[in-house]
Amino acid sequence: METLLTELKKQLADQRADLTTSIRNGEENLIRTKEGFLRVEGALEAINLIETRLAEQSKEVVEEVIGTS
């Protein structure tokens, strides 16, 4: 009976170690994925800002041309 309990305890300890490693790896992967996501979000925000400024400049140019005609 003691041998059975000892073996079970060893198996559970091994399983715990494997799961701990799996959790750590998963967390690292999630962090890298989040970083990539935030980079893409930042790039999209920058593009939206550039597009807005270009549209404003185009509007100003059109208004100047119409105003001088």
PDB file of N, CA and C in Angstrom:
ATOM      1  N   MET A   1       0.828  -1.197   0.000  1.00  0.00           N
ATOM      2  CA  MET A   1       0.000   0.000   0.000  1.00  0.00           C
ATOM      3  C   MET A   1       0.869   1.255   0.000  1.00  0.00           C
ATOM      4  N   GLU A   2       1.952   1.243   0.780  1.00  0.00           N
ATOM      5  CA  GLU A   2       2.839   2.404   0.816  1.00  0.00           C
ATOM      6  C   GLU A   2       3.488   2.635  -0.539  1.00  0.00           C
ATOM      7  N   THR A   3       3.833   1.559  -1.222  1.00  0.00           N
ATOM      8  CA  THR A   3       4.447   1.673  -2.543  1.00  0.00           C
ATOM      9  C   THR A   3       3.471   2.313  -3.524  1.00  0.00           C
ATOM     10  N   LEU A   4       2.221   1.920  -3.439  1.00  0.00           N
ATOM     11  CA  LEU A   4       1.190   2.482  -4.311  1.00  0.00           C
ATOM     12  C   LEU A   4       1.041   3.987  -4.056  1.00  0.00           C
ATOM     13  N   LEU A   5       0.992   4.383  -2.809  1.00  0.00           N
ATOM     14  CA  LEU A   5       0.869   5.796  -2.459  1.00  0.00           C
ATOM     15  C   LEU A   5       2.107   6.585  -2.886  1.00  0.00           C
ATOM     16  N   THR A   6       3.269   6.002  -2.696  1.00  0.00           N
ATOM     17  CA  THR A   6       4.506   6.664  -3.093  1.00  0.00           C
ATOM     18  C   THR A   6       4.542   6.872  -4.598  1.00  0.00           C
ATOM     19  N   GLU A   7       4.167   5.843  -5.336  1.00  0.00           N
ATOM     20  CA  GLU A   7       4.148   5.942  -6.802  1.00  0.00           C
ATOM     21  C   GLU A   7       3.118   6.974  -7.264  1.00  0.00           C
ATOM     22  N   LEU A   8       1.945   6.961  -6.660  1.00  0.00           N
ATOM     23  CA  LEU A   8       0.904   7.925  -7.006  1.00  0.00           C
ATOM     24  C   LEU A   8       1.378   9.355  -6.714  1.00  0.00           C
ATOM     25  N   LYS A   9       2.014   9.526  -5.559  1.00  0.00           N
ATOM     26  CA  LYS A   9       2.533  10.838  -5.190  1.00  0.00           C
ATOM     27  C   LYS A   9       3.578  11.317  -6.202  1.00  0.00           C
ATOM     28  N   LYS A  10       4.447  10.421  -6.643  1.00  0.00           N
ATOM     29  CA  LYS A  10       5.473  10.760  -7.630  1.00  0.00           C
ATOM     30  C   LYS A  10       4.824  11.143  -8.960  1.00  0.00           C
ATOM     31  N   GLN A  11       3.839  10.376  -9.390  1.00  0.00           N
ATOM     32  CA  GLN A  11       3.150  10.670 -10.646  1.00  0.00           C
ATOM     33  C   GLN A  11       2.467  12.035 -10.583  1.00  0.00           C
ATOM     34  N   LEU A  12       1.834  12.316  -9.452  1.00  0.00           N
ATOM     35  CA  LEU A  12       1.158  13.606  -9.310  1.00  0.00           C
ATOM     36  C   LEU A  12       2.154  14.768  -9.278  1.00  0.00           C
ATOM     37  N   ALA A  13       3.287  14.568  -8.632  1.00  0.00           N
ATOM     38  CA  ALA A  13       4.325  15.600  -8.607  1.00  0.00           C
ATOM     39  C   ALA A  13       4.873  15.850 -10.008  1.00  0.00           C
ATOM     40  N   ASP A  14       5.077  14.787 -10.768  1.00  0.00           N
ATOM     41  CA  ASP A  14       5.548  14.918 -12.151  1.00  0.00           C
ATOM     42  C   ASP A  14       4.507  15.651 -13.000  1.00  0.00           C
ATOM     43  N   GLN A  15       3.253  15.292 -12.804  1.00  0.00           N
ATOM     44  CA  GLN A  15       2.171  15.932 -13.557  1.00  0.00           C
ATOM     45  C   GLN A  15       2.090  17.425 -13.204  1.00  0.00           C
ATOM     46  N   ARG A  16       2.238  17.743 -11.928  1.00  0.00           N
ATOM     47  CA  ARG A  16       2.228  19.143 -11.493  1.00  0.00           C
ATOM     48  C   ARG A  16       3.365  19.914 -12.163  1.00  0.00           C
ATOM     49  N   ALA A  17       4.543  19.329 -12.211  1.00  0.00           N
ATOM     50  CA  ALA A  17       5.689  19.988 -12.842  1.00  0.00           C
ATOM     51  C   ALA A  17       5.432  20.231 -14.327  1.00  0.00           C
ATOM     52  N   ASP A  18       4.864  19.237 -15.009  1.00  0.00           N
ATOM     53  CA  ASP A  18       4.544  19.393 -16.430  1.00  0.00           C
ATOM     54  C   ASP A  18       3.514  20.496 -16.639  1.00  0.00           C
ATOM     55  N   LEU A  19       2.504  20.526 -15.795  1.00  0.00           N
ATOM     56  CA  LEU A  19       1.457  21.548 -15.925  1.00  0.00           C
ATOM     57  C   LEU A  19       2.005  22.943 -15.623  1.00  0.00           C
ATOM     58  N   THR A  20       2.888  23.027 -14.657  1.00  0.00           N
ATOM     59  CA  THR A  20       3.515  24.315 -14.335  1.00  0.00           C
ATOM     60  C   THR A  20       4.291  24.840 -15.536  1.00  0.00           C
ATOM     61  N   THR A  21       5.052  23.971 -16.169  1.00  0.00           N
ATOM     62  CA  THR A  21       5.807  24.345 -17.364  1.00  0.00           C
ATOM     63  C   THR A  21       4.866  24.765 -18.486  1.00  0.00           C
ATOM     64  N   SER A  22       3.798  24.019 -18.656  1.00  0.00           N
ATOM     65  CA  SER A  22       2.817  24.339 -19.694  1.00  0.00           C
ATOM     66  C   SER A  22       2.185  25.706 -19.451  1.00  0.00           C
ATOM     67  N   ILE A  23       1.859  26.007 -18.203  1.00  0.00           N
ATOM     68  CA  ILE A  23       1.273  27.309 -17.866  1.00  0.00           C
ATOM     69  C   ILE A  23       2.264  28.426 -18.167  1.00  0.00           C
ATOM     70  N   ARG A  24       3.506  28.255 -17.763  1.00  0.00           N
ATOM     71  CA  ARG A  24       4.529  29.283 -18.020  1.00  0.00           C
ATOM     72  C   ARG A  24       4.705  29.530 -19.516  1.00  0.00           C
ATOM     73  N   ASN A  25       4.763  28.454 -20.280  1.00  0.00           N
ATOM     74  CA  ASN A  25       4.913  28.586 -21.727  1.00  0.00           C
ATOM     75  C   ASN A  25       3.702  29.287 -22.334  1.00  0.00           C
ATOM     76  N   GLY A  26       2.524  28.937 -21.864  1.00  0.00           N
ATOM     77  CA  GLY A  26       1.300  29.568 -22.353  1.00  0.00           C
ATOM     78  C   GLY A  26       1.263  31.051 -22.033  1.00  0.00           C
ATOM     79  N   GLU A  27       1.695  31.406 -20.836  1.00  0.00           N
ATOM     80  CA  GLU A  27       1.724  32.816 -20.448  1.00  0.00           C
ATOM     81  C   GLU A  27       2.711  33.601 -21.306  1.00  0.00           C
ATOM     82  N   GLU A  28       3.874  33.030 -21.561  1.00  0.00           N
ATOM     83  CA  GLU A  28       4.868  33.702 -22.412  1.00  0.00           C
ATOM     84  C   GLU A  28       4.324  33.903 -23.822  1.00  0.00           C
ATOM     85  N   ASN A  29       3.656  32.898 -24.336  1.00  0.00           N
ATOM     86  CA  ASN A  29       3.070  32.986 -25.671  1.00  0.00           C
ATOM     87  C   ASN A  29       1.983  34.061 -25.704  1.00  0.00           C
ATOM     88  N   LEU A  30       1.167  34.116 -24.664  1.00  0.00           N
ATOM     89  CA  LEU A  30       0.115  35.122 -24.591  1.00  0.00           C
ATOM     90  C   LEU A  30       0.705  36.527 -24.543  1.00  0.00           C
ATOM     91  N   ILE A  31       1.764  36.716 -23.800  1.00  0.00           N
ATOM     92  CA  ILE A  31       2.423  38.027 -23.715  1.00  0.00           C
ATOM     93  C   ILE A  31       2.936  38.449 -25.089  1.00  0.00           C
ATOM     94  N   ARG A  32       3.589  37.531 -25.800  1.00  0.00           N
ATOM     95  CA  ARG A  32       4.097  37.855 -27.145  1.00  0.00           C
ATOM     96  C   ARG A  32       2.945  38.187 -28.094  1.00  0.00           C
ATOM     97  N   THR A  33       1.857  37.445 -27.997  1.00  0.00           N
ATOM     98  CA  THR A  33       0.692  37.703 -28.853  1.00  0.00           C
ATOM     99  C   THR A  33       0.086  39.069 -28.548  1.00  0.00           C
ATOM    100  N   LYS A  34      -0.017  39.397 -27.265  1.00  0.00           N
ATOM    101  CA  LYS A  34      -0.556  40.711 -26.883  1.00  0.00           C
ATOM    102  C   LYS A  34       0.334  41.835 -27.394  1.00  0.00           C
ATOM    103  N   GLU A  35       1.654  41.666 -27.279  1.00  0.00           N
ATOM    104  CA  GLU A  35       2.576  42.685 -27.768  1.00  0.00           C
ATOM    105  C   GLU A  35       2.394  42.902 -29.271  1.00  0.00           C
ATOM    106  N   GLY A  36       2.262  41.829 -30.013  1.00  0.00           N
ATOM    107  CA  GLY A  36       2.028  41.932 -31.454  1.00  0.00           C
ATOM    108  C   GLY A  36       0.716  42.638 -31.760  1.00  0.00           C
ATOM    109  N   PHE A  37      -0.317  42.301 -31.012  1.00  0.00           N
ATOM    110  CA  PHE A  37      -1.624  42.924 -31.189  1.00  0.00           C
ATOM    111  C   PHE A  37      -1.533  44.422 -30.940  1.00  0.00           C
ATOM    112  N   LEU A  38      -0.856  44.817 -29.870  1.00  0.00           N
ATOM    113  CA  LEU A  38      -0.737  46.242 -29.539  1.00  0.00           C
ATOM    114  C   LEU A  38       0.065  47.001 -30.591  1.00  0.00           C
ATOM    115  N   ARG A  39       1.072  46.364 -31.164  1.00  0.00           N
ATOM    116  CA  ARG A  39       1.834  46.997 -32.248  1.00  0.00           C
ATOM    117  C   ARG A  39       0.932  47.260 -33.452  1.00  0.00           C
ATOM    118  N   VAL A  40       0.130  46.274 -33.804  1.00  0.00           N
ATOM    119  CA  VAL A  40      -0.784  46.424 -34.946  1.00  0.00           C
ATOM    120  C   VAL A  40      -1.812  47.515 -34.655  1.00  0.00           C
ATOM    121  N   GLU A  41      -2.361  47.528 -33.452  1.00  0.00           N
ATOM    122  CA  GLU A  41      -3.328  48.568 -33.078  1.00  0.00           C
ATOM    123  C   GLU A  41      -2.698  49.955 -33.189  1.00  0.00           C
ATOM    124  N   GLY A  42      -1.469  50.088 -32.716  1.00  0.00           N
ATOM    125  CA  GLY A  42      -0.777  51.369 -32.803  1.00  0.00           C
ATOM    126  C   GLY A  42      -0.570  51.803 -34.237  1.00  0.00           C
ATOM    127  N   ALA A  43      -0.197  50.877 -35.095  1.00  0.00           N
ATOM    128  CA  ALA A  43       0.006  51.183 -36.507  1.00  0.00           C
ATOM    129  C   ALA A  43      -1.304  51.626 -37.155  1.00  0.00           C
ATOM    130  N   LEU A  44      -2.393  50.945 -36.824  1.00  0.00           N
ATOM    131  CA  LEU A  44      -3.690  51.334 -37.376  1.00  0.00           C
ATOM    132  C   LEU A  44      -4.114  52.723 -36.895  1.00  0.00           C
ATOM    133  N   GLU A  45      -3.846  53.039 -35.649  1.00  0.00           N
ATOM    134  CA  GLU A  45      -4.151  54.371 -35.126  1.00  0.00           C
ATOM    135  C   GLU A  45      -3.346  55.429 -35.864  1.00  0.00           C
ATOM    136  N   ALA A  46      -2.067  55.155 -36.107  1.00  0.00           N
ATOM    137  CA  ALA A  46      -1.215  56.101 -36.822  1.00  0.00           C
ATOM    138  C   ALA A  46      -1.744  56.334 -38.233  1.00  0.00           C
ATOM    139  N   ILE A  47      -2.150  55.285 -38.906  1.00  0.00           N
ATOM    140  CA  ILE A  47      -2.696  55.415 -40.262  1.00  0.00           C
ATOM    141  C   ILE A  47      -3.973  56.239 -40.244  1.00  0.00           C
ATOM    142  N   ASN A  48      -4.842  55.986 -39.275  1.00  0.00           N
ATOM    143  CA  ASN A  48      -6.082  56.763 -39.174  1.00  0.00           C
ATOM    144  C   ASN A  48      -5.789  58.241 -38.946  1.00  0.00           C
ATOM    145  N   LEU A  49      -4.806  58.531 -38.119  1.00  0.00           N
ATOM    146  CA  LEU A  49      -4.418  59.917 -37.850  1.00  0.00           C
ATOM    147  C   LEU A  49      -3.882  60.580 -39.115  1.00  0.00           C
ATOM    148  N   ILE A  50      -3.033  59.874 -39.846  1.00  0.00           N
ATOM    149  CA  ILE A  50      -2.483  60.408 -41.093  1.00  0.00           C
ATOM    150  C   ILE A  50      -3.592  60.663 -42.095  1.00  0.00           C
ATOM    151  N   GLU A  51      -4.513  59.706 -42.237  1.00  0.00           N
ATOM    152  CA  GLU A  51      -5.630  59.870 -43.173  1.00  0.00           C
ATOM    153  C   GLU A  51      -6.488  61.080 -42.802  1.00  0.00           C
ATOM    154  N   THR A  52      -6.733  61.275 -41.515  1.00  0.00           N
ATOM    155  CA  THR A  52      -7.540  62.409 -41.062  1.00  0.00           C
ATOM    156  C   THR A  52      -6.851  63.727 -41.402  1.00  0.00           C
ATOM    157  N   ARG A  53      -5.547  63.792 -41.127  1.00  0.00           N
ATOM    158  CA  ARG A  53      -4.804  65.025 -41.430  1.00  0.00           C
ATOM    159  C   ARG A  53      -4.741  65.299 -42.929  1.00  0.00           C
ATOM    160  N   LEU A  54      -4.565  64.250 -43.731  1.00  0.00           N
ATOM    161  CA  LEU A  54      -4.538  64.433 -45.182  1.00  0.00           C
ATOM    162  C   LEU A  54      -5.890  64.921 -45.690  1.00  0.00           C
ATOM    163  N   ALA A  55      -6.961  64.378 -45.143  1.00  0.00           N
ATOM    164  CA  ALA A  55      -8.300  64.805 -45.548  1.00  0.00           C
ATOM    165  C   ALA A  55      -8.529  66.267 -45.175  1.00  0.00           C
ATOM    166  N   GLU A  56      -8.069  66.672 -44.007  1.00  0.00           N
ATOM    167  CA  GLU A  56      -8.208  68.071 -43.582  1.00  0.00           C
ATOM    168  C   GLU A  56      -7.419  68.995 -44.505  1.00  0.00           C
ATOM    169  N   GLN A  57      -6.199  68.586 -44.858  1.00  0.00           N
ATOM    170  CA  GLN A  57      -5.376  69.403 -45.755  1.00  0.00           C
ATOM    171  C   GLN A  57      -6.013  69.512 -47.138  1.00  0.00           C
ATOM    172  N   SER A  58      -6.563  68.405 -47.626  1.00  0.00           N
ATOM    173  CA  SER A  58      -7.212  68.416 -48.937  1.00  0.00           C
ATOM    174  C   SER A  58      -8.410  69.350 -48.920  1.00  0.00           C
ATOM    175  N   LYS A  59      -9.157  69.313 -47.843  1.00  0.00           N
ATOM    176  CA  LYS A  59     -10.330  70.179 -47.707  1.00  0.00           C
ATOM    177  C   LYS A  59      -9.905  71.640 -47.715  1.00  0.00           C
ATOM    178  N   GLU A  60      -8.818  71.953 -47.004  1.00  0.00           N
ATOM    179  CA  GLU A  60      -8.322  73.328 -46.961  1.00  0.00           C
ATOM    180  C   GLU A  60      -7.874  73.790 -48.345  1.00  0.00           C
ATOM    181  N   VAL A  61      -7.203  72.927 -49.087  1.00  0.00           N
ATOM    182  CA  VAL A  61      -6.735  73.273 -50.435  1.00  0.00           C
ATOM    183  C   VAL A  61      -7.929  73.526 -51.339  1.00  0.00           C
ATOM    184  N   VAL A  62      -8.929  72.668 -51.280  1.00  0.00           N
ATOM    185  CA  VAL A  62     -10.127  72.838 -52.105  1.00  0.00           C
ATOM    186  C   VAL A  62     -10.820  74.151 -51.754  1.00  0.00           C
ATOM    187  N   GLU A  63     -10.926  74.467 -50.472  1.00  0.00           N
ATOM    188  CA  GLU A  63     -11.557  75.713 -50.049  1.00  0.00           C
ATOM    189  C   GLU A  63     -10.787  76.931 -50.553  1.00  0.00           C
ATOM    190  N   GLU A  64      -9.447  76.834 -50.540  1.00  0.00           N
ATOM    191  CA  GLU A  64      -8.631  77.937 -51.046  1.00  0.00           C
ATOM    192  C   GLU A  64      -8.836  78.121 -52.541  1.00  0.00           C
ATOM    193  N   VAL A  65      -8.865  77.014 -53.279  1.00  0.00           N
ATOM    194  CA  VAL A  65      -9.043  77.092 -54.723  1.00  0.00           C
ATOM    195  C   VAL A  65     -10.410  77.670 -55.052  1.00  0.00           C
ATOM    196  N   ILE A  66     -11.430  77.206 -54.342  1.00  0.00           N
ATOM    197  CA  ILE A  66     -12.785  77.705 -54.592  1.00  0.00           C
ATOM    198  C   ILE A  66     -12.876  79.184 -54.194  1.00  0.00           C
ATOM    199  N   GLY A  67     -12.231  79.538 -53.112  1.00  0.00           N
ATOM    200  CA  GLY A  67     -12.281  80.922 -52.635  1.00  0.00           C
ATOM    201  C   GLY A  67     -11.567  81.893 -53.558  1.00  0.00           C
ATOM    202  N   THR A  68     -10.571  81.425 -54.289  1.00  0.00           N
ATOM    203  CA  THR A  68      -9.833  82.318 -55.177  1.00  0.00           C
ATOM    204  C   THR A  68     -10.400  82.344 -56.587  1.00  0.00           C
ATOM    205  N   SER A  69     -11.366  81.495 -56.871  1.00  0.00           N
ATOM    206  CA  SER A  69     -11.921  81.423 -58.225  1.00  0.00           C
ATOM    207  C   SER A  69     -12.872  82.565 -58.492  1.00  0.00           C
TER     208      SER A  69
END
